[in-house]
Amino acid sequence: MVAVVACVVLGAASEQPAIVLIYGFQPVPGFRATQIWKTFAEHFSGNDVANTVSITAADGHEFYLLEAIDAEHRDVILSNPASALEPTVRDIFHYVRRFAEEIAALSSRRSMTCFDVVAHSMGGLIARAYIEASDFGSNAGYTYGGEIRTLVMLATPNHGSEVAALGEWFTTLSRQMAPRSDFLRTLNALQWVDGKISGVSPDVRYVSVAGQTCLGCGLRINEEVCLQACVDEALAWSGSDLVVTMSSAYLPEAENCAAIGYDHVAMHTDPDLARAIADILVSAVAPAVIYADGYESYQRP
């Protein structure tokens, strides 16, 4: 991969870039980005998601803008890379190209050239494939222009998903997201960048937040023992959010954060986690652990 110029926010020194939200795999058609991201979009913008406005990308698909209500909040872009009225089962590069069209539209029509991205599950792979476009060469069909300042990945299977592997005979996307796929090997390949070995773009801040759910502990005879074991697993990065394992989400060169007490869906719907991600975006370093309410008491001594 080649280095690009890091994005710079125009305007006042205190101004923050817009936040782009990218959803993950959607198995059922008819979903709406505004509903998937309602909690996060409203927290980041301070605005009601009903006030989103549509923007049309060059290839005709719509995505959305929710403007900040004041200077203390951020404009939010709700990416919509899927094709209308179908689940997300296409080649992942289809979604990356559509995301690239959205970024181009924001640059040309809104003069937005710098963004922080928060992406859930497969959405993190879409963002990474866009940022790390040079990994895939001229066949990618898009180029990265250096617009991303920070990428926060929520439960992103950076090293694949065994759930996807179950369907790898049926769709290209399943094969791409399966562990040890050609797509993931290329995405994670180490290269010499700016005098060091790296598997990610040197000009982007990467944060990987992995969930660990303790959902079944309430059914155990000794709930307290189960909860402590669940937290211990998370702190050792050996847990799971029921869909993506923490070890798959772990990215060596990222700031890795364990989110304890969160399942896969909660990773993009929980208001406490939305607040934590907002803090991460303005902090120097992400915390090593985020505890859902009630789990702090199970920390290791």
Protein backbone atom coordinates (compact mmCIF):
# COMPACT_ATOMS: atom_id res chain seq x y z
CA MET A 1 0.00 0.00 0.00
CA VAL A 2 1.11 3.59 -0.54
CA ALA A 3 0.96 6.45 1.88
CA VAL A 4 -1.55 9.22 1.27
CA VAL A 5 -1.86 12.71 2.68
CA ALA A 6 -3.84 12.64 5.93
CA CYS A 7 -7.10 14.58 5.80
CA VAL A 8 -7.27 18.06 7.25
CA VAL A 9 -10.46 19.67 8.53
CA LEU A 10 -11.06 23.08 7.03
CA GLY A 11 -12.38 25.94 9.16
CA ALA A 12 -11.94 26.72 12.84
CA ALA A 13 -9.31 24.83 14.81
CA SER A 14 -11.98 23.32 17.06
CA GLU A 15 -14.12 22.07 14.20
CA GLN A 16 -14.45 18.30 13.96
CA PRO A 17 -15.07 16.34 10.75
CA ALA A 18 -18.39 14.70 9.98
CA ILE A 19 -18.90 11.15 11.20
CA VAL A 20 -19.73 8.52 8.61
CA LEU A 21 -21.69 5.47 9.80
CA ILE A 22 -21.42 2.27 7.72
CA TYR A 23 -23.71 -0.65 8.49
CA GLY A 24 -22.73 -4.30 8.30
CA PHE A 25 -24.23 -7.40 6.73
CA GLN A 26 -28.01 -7.19 6.32
CA PRO A 27 -29.59 -10.57 5.52
CA VAL A 28 -33.13 -9.25 4.96
CA PRO A 29 -34.11 -6.70 2.27
CA GLY A 30 -36.01 -3.53 3.09
CA PHE A 31 -33.73 -2.33 5.89
CA ARG A 32 -33.04 1.38 6.39
CA ALA A 33 -29.74 2.95 7.38
CA THR A 34 -31.60 5.55 9.45
CA GLN A 35 -33.11 2.85 11.66
CA ILE A 36 -29.98 0.72 11.91
CA TRP A 37 -27.99 3.71 13.19
CA LYS A 38 -30.75 5.68 14.96
CA THR A 39 -29.12 5.62 18.43
CA PHE A 40 -25.62 6.49 17.25
CA ALA A 41 -26.72 9.08 14.67
CA GLU A 42 -28.89 10.96 17.16
CA HIS A 43 -26.19 10.91 19.83
CA PHE A 44 -23.43 12.18 17.55
CA SER A 45 -25.58 14.88 15.90
CA GLY A 46 -27.95 15.79 18.73
CA ASN A 47 -30.64 15.77 16.05
CA ASP A 48 -33.68 13.58 15.44
CA VAL A 49 -33.03 10.95 12.79
CA ALA A 50 -36.34 11.94 11.19
CA ASN A 51 -34.54 15.10 10.01
CA THR A 52 -32.12 13.31 7.71
CA VAL A 53 -31.85 14.57 4.14
CA SER A 54 -31.03 12.44 1.13
CA ILE A 55 -27.95 12.84 -1.04
CA THR A 56 -27.66 11.09 -4.39
CA ALA A 57 -24.31 9.62 -5.38
CA ALA A 58 -23.03 9.59 -8.96
CA ASP A 59 -24.28 6.07 -9.60
CA GLY A 60 -27.79 7.04 -8.45
CA HIS A 61 -28.02 5.49 -5.03
CA GLU A 62 -29.16 7.52 -2.02
CA PHE A 63 -27.43 8.00 1.29
CA TYR A 64 -28.18 10.42 4.10
CA LEU A 65 -27.02 13.46 6.05
CA LEU A 66 -28.14 14.34 9.58
CA GLU A 67 -26.83 17.78 10.48
CA ALA A 68 -25.50 18.66 13.91
CA ILE A 69 -27.82 20.81 16.01
CA ASP A 70 -24.96 22.89 17.41
CA ALA A 71 -21.18 23.25 17.56
CA GLU A 72 -20.96 20.65 20.34
CA HIS A 73 -22.20 17.92 17.99
CA ARG A 74 -21.14 16.51 14.63
CA ASP A 75 -22.72 16.22 11.22
CA VAL A 76 -23.48 12.55 10.57
CA ILE A 77 -23.40 10.80 7.23
CA LEU A 78 -25.35 7.56 7.02
CA SER A 79 -23.69 5.50 4.31
CA ASN A 80 -26.00 3.29 2.27
CA PRO A 81 -23.79 1.09 0.08
CA ALA A 82 -26.31 -1.71 -0.48
CA SER A 83 -28.43 -1.90 -3.60
CA ALA A 84 -32.11 -1.10 -3.11
CA LEU A 85 -34.51 -3.85 -2.04
CA GLU A 86 -31.93 -6.59 -1.68
CA PRO A 87 -29.89 -8.05 1.18
CA THR A 88 -26.13 -7.46 1.26
CA VAL A 89 -25.00 -10.61 -0.54
CA ARG A 90 -22.95 -9.14 -3.41
CA ASP A 91 -19.19 -9.05 -3.87
CA ILE A 92 -17.81 -6.74 -1.16
CA PHE A 93 -16.13 -4.57 -3.79
CA HIS A 94 -19.61 -3.60 -5.02
CA TYR A 95 -20.22 -1.98 -1.64
CA VAL A 96 -16.76 -0.43 -1.47
CA ARG A 97 -17.25 1.23 -4.86
CA ARG A 98 -20.61 2.61 -3.77
CA PHE A 99 -19.05 3.94 -0.57
CA ALA A 100 -16.34 5.59 -2.70
CA GLU A 101 -19.10 7.25 -4.75
CA GLU A 102 -20.61 8.62 -1.55
CA ILE A 103 -17.30 10.13 -0.46
CA ALA A 104 -16.90 11.69 -3.92
CA ALA A 105 -20.40 13.17 -3.75
CA LEU A 106 -19.74 14.69 -0.34
CA SER A 107 -16.54 16.25 -1.61
CA SER A 108 -18.05 17.74 -4.76
CA ARG A 109 -21.45 18.83 -3.44
CA ARG A 110 -20.83 19.55 0.24
CA SER A 111 -17.12 20.42 0.24
CA MET A 112 -16.56 17.70 2.85
CA THR A 113 -13.08 16.22 2.50
CA CYS A 114 -12.29 14.75 5.92
CA PHE A 115 -14.24 12.21 7.96
CA ASP A 116 -14.23 10.00 11.00
CA VAL A 117 -15.81 6.63 10.20
CA VAL A 118 -17.68 4.37 12.61
CA ALA A 119 -18.43 1.02 10.98
CA HIS A 120 -20.24 -2.05 12.26
CA SER A 121 -19.18 -5.60 11.39
CA MET A 122 -18.79 -5.99 7.60
CA GLY A 123 -18.95 -2.19 7.34
CA GLY A 124 -15.46 -2.10 8.85
CA LEU A 125 -14.17 -4.29 6.02
CA ILE A 126 -15.81 -1.96 3.50
CA ALA A 127 -14.03 1.02 5.07
CA ARG A 128 -10.70 -0.82 5.31
CA ALA A 129 -10.90 -1.99 1.69
CA TYR A 130 -11.53 1.61 0.63
CA ILE A 131 -8.70 3.08 2.72
CA GLU A 132 -6.31 0.29 1.73
CA ALA A 133 -7.31 0.39 -1.95
CA SER A 134 -3.73 0.05 -3.15
CA ASP A 135 -3.62 -3.46 -1.63
CA PHE A 136 -5.92 -4.58 -4.42
CA GLY A 137 -4.26 -2.69 -7.28
CA SER A 138 -5.99 -1.36 -10.37
CA ASN A 139 -8.58 -4.14 -10.29
CA ALA A 140 -10.26 -2.53 -7.27
CA GLY A 141 -12.11 -0.04 -9.47
CA TYR A 142 -11.71 2.88 -7.05
CA THR A 143 -8.95 4.92 -5.44
CA TYR A 144 -8.52 6.28 -1.93
CA GLY A 145 -8.11 10.03 -1.63
CA GLY A 146 -6.95 10.35 1.98
CA GLU A 147 -10.30 11.50 3.35
CA ILE A 148 -10.46 9.30 6.46
CA ARG A 149 -8.93 10.55 9.72
CA THR A 150 -10.17 7.84 12.10
CA LEU A 151 -11.75 4.44 11.53
CA VAL A 152 -13.59 2.93 14.49
CA MET A 153 -14.57 -0.67 13.77
CA LEU A 154 -17.33 -2.21 15.87
CA ALA A 155 -17.25 -6.03 15.86
CA THR A 156 -15.49 -6.17 12.52
CA PRO A 157 -14.27 -9.65 11.49
CA ASN A 158 -10.82 -8.50 10.38
CA HIS A 159 -9.70 -12.13 10.22
CA GLY A 160 -12.97 -13.63 9.05
CA SER A 161 -16.18 -15.07 10.43
CA GLU A 162 -16.98 -18.74 10.90
CA VAL A 163 -20.64 -17.78 10.43
CA ALA A 164 -19.78 -16.51 6.94
CA ALA A 165 -17.81 -19.67 6.26
CA LEU A 166 -21.00 -21.70 6.63
CA GLY A 167 -22.35 -20.04 3.48
CA GLU A 168 -19.19 -19.78 1.41
CA TRP A 169 -20.57 -22.11 -1.27
CA PHE A 170 -23.50 -19.77 -1.91
CA THR A 171 -22.18 -16.22 -2.34
CA THR A 172 -18.96 -14.42 -3.21
CA LEU A 173 -19.39 -12.27 -0.11
CA SER A 174 -19.47 -15.32 2.17
CA ARG A 175 -16.26 -16.60 0.62
CA GLN A 176 -14.62 -13.19 1.05
CA MET A 177 -15.56 -12.97 4.74
CA ALA A 178 -14.59 -16.54 5.59
CA PRO A 179 -11.35 -16.99 7.56
CA ARG A 180 -8.23 -17.28 5.39
CA SER A 181 -10.03 -15.97 2.30
CA ASP A 182 -8.01 -14.40 -0.51
CA PHE A 183 -9.73 -11.09 0.20
CA LEU A 184 -8.71 -11.06 3.86
CA ARG A 185 -5.19 -12.31 3.14
CA THR A 186 -4.73 -9.40 0.74
CA LEU A 187 -6.33 -6.89 3.12
CA ASN A 188 -4.14 -7.98 6.03
CA ALA A 189 -0.91 -8.54 4.08
CA LEU A 190 2.13 -6.83 5.60
CA GLN A 191 4.00 -4.39 3.40
CA TRP A 192 6.86 -1.94 3.75
CA VAL A 193 5.32 1.48 4.37
CA ASP A 194 7.21 4.62 5.43
CA GLY A 195 10.17 2.68 6.73
CA LYS A 196 8.28 -0.02 8.64
CA ILE A 197 6.28 -3.18 8.11
CA SER A 198 2.55 -2.43 8.24
CA GLY A 199 -0.77 -3.99 7.30
CA VAL A 200 -2.79 -0.77 7.53
CA SER A 201 -2.62 2.79 6.24
CA PRO A 202 -0.09 4.85 8.23
CA ASP A 203 -2.19 8.02 7.96
CA VAL A 204 -5.36 6.69 9.53
CA ARG A 205 -6.09 6.08 13.19
CA TYR A 206 -7.56 2.58 13.53
CA VAL A 207 -9.65 1.58 16.57
CA SER A 208 -11.13 -1.93 16.85
CA VAL A 209 -13.86 -2.45 19.43
CA ALA A 210 -14.77 -6.11 20.00
CA GLY A 211 -17.83 -7.27 21.90
CA GLN A 212 -18.13 -10.04 24.45
CA THR A 213 -21.61 -11.09 25.51
CA CYS A 214 -22.37 -12.82 28.79
CA LEU A 215 -25.93 -13.51 27.67
CA GLY A 216 -26.09 -17.10 28.93
CA CYS A 217 -24.82 -16.46 32.44
CA GLY A 218 -28.29 -15.70 33.75
CA LEU A 219 -29.28 -19.29 32.95
CA ARG A 220 -26.43 -20.83 34.97
CA ILE A 221 -26.77 -22.14 38.52
CA ASN A 222 -23.85 -19.97 39.63
CA GLU A 223 -24.32 -16.78 37.66
CA GLU A 224 -21.52 -14.93 39.46
CA VAL A 225 -18.90 -17.51 38.51
CA CYS A 226 -20.07 -17.47 34.90
CA LEU A 227 -19.97 -13.68 34.71
CA GLN A 228 -16.44 -13.56 36.10
CA ALA A 229 -15.33 -16.21 33.59
CA CYS A 230 -17.01 -14.24 30.81
CA VAL A 231 -15.15 -11.07 31.75
CA ASP A 232 -11.87 -12.97 32.07
CA GLU A 233 -12.36 -14.33 28.55
CA ALA A 234 -12.97 -10.83 27.23
CA LEU A 235 -9.88 -9.43 28.92
CA ALA A 236 -7.88 -12.25 27.32
CA TRP A 237 -9.48 -11.46 23.92
CA SER A 238 -10.92 -14.96 23.64
CA GLY A 239 -14.63 -14.11 23.82
CA SER A 240 -17.34 -13.50 21.24
CA ASP A 241 -20.38 -11.31 20.62
CA LEU A 242 -22.20 -14.43 19.30
CA VAL A 243 -21.33 -13.55 15.69
CA VAL A 244 -17.73 -12.25 15.60
CA THR A 245 -14.97 -13.53 17.86
CA MET A 246 -12.80 -11.01 19.63
CA SER A 247 -9.69 -12.64 18.17
CA SER A 248 -11.00 -11.98 14.66
CA ALA A 249 -11.71 -8.33 15.48
CA TYR A 250 -8.25 -7.82 16.96
CA LEU A 251 -5.97 -5.82 14.66
CA PRO A 252 -2.33 -5.67 15.83
CA GLU A 253 -1.68 -2.12 14.69
CA ALA A 254 -5.00 -0.72 15.92
CA GLU A 255 -6.07 0.58 19.31
CA ASN A 256 -7.95 -2.52 20.47
CA CYS A 257 -10.79 -2.14 22.96
CA ALA A 258 -12.80 -4.94 24.59
CA ALA A 259 -16.50 -4.09 25.01
CA ILE A 260 -17.73 -6.39 27.77
CA GLY A 261 -21.43 -7.13 28.05
CA TYR A 262 -22.31 -6.31 24.43
CA ASP A 263 -23.66 -8.70 21.80
CA HIS A 264 -23.33 -8.14 18.05
CA VAL A 265 -26.50 -6.08 17.65
CA ALA A 266 -25.84 -3.96 20.75
CA MET A 267 -22.55 -2.90 19.17
CA HIS A 268 -24.48 -0.48 16.96
CA THR A 269 -27.60 0.18 19.07
CA ASP A 270 -26.53 0.67 22.68
CA PRO A 271 -26.63 4.32 23.90
CA ASP A 272 -23.85 3.83 26.45
CA LEU A 273 -21.58 2.45 23.77
CA ALA A 274 -22.48 5.37 21.50
CA ARG A 275 -21.30 7.74 24.23
CA ALA A 276 -18.09 5.74 24.66
CA ILE A 277 -17.36 5.88 20.93
CA ALA A 278 -17.97 9.64 20.90
CA ASP A 279 -15.36 9.94 23.65
CA ILE A 280 -12.91 7.73 21.74
CA LEU A 281 -13.17 9.96 18.67
CA VAL A 282 -11.93 12.99 20.61
CA SER A 283 -9.45 11.22 22.89
CA ALA A 284 -5.79 10.54 22.28
CA VAL A 285 -6.03 6.81 22.98
CA ALA A 286 -8.98 4.42 23.21
CA PRO A 287 -9.51 2.65 26.55
CA ALA A 288 -8.47 -0.99 26.73
CA VAL A 289 -11.89 -1.98 28.10
CA ILE A 290 -15.45 -0.65 28.02
CA TYR A 291 -17.79 -2.26 30.56
CA ALA A 292 -21.52 -2.39 30.00
CA ASP A 293 -23.54 -1.37 33.03
CA GLY A 294 -23.11 -3.87 35.86
CA TYR A 295 -19.95 -5.56 34.65
CA GLU A 296 -17.33 -3.33 36.29
CA SER A 297 -17.41 -5.37 39.49
CA TYR A 298 -16.04 -8.40 37.63
CA GLN A 299 -12.74 -6.79 36.72
CA ARG A 300 -9.66 -8.82 37.48
CA PRO A 301 -8.01 -7.80 40.79
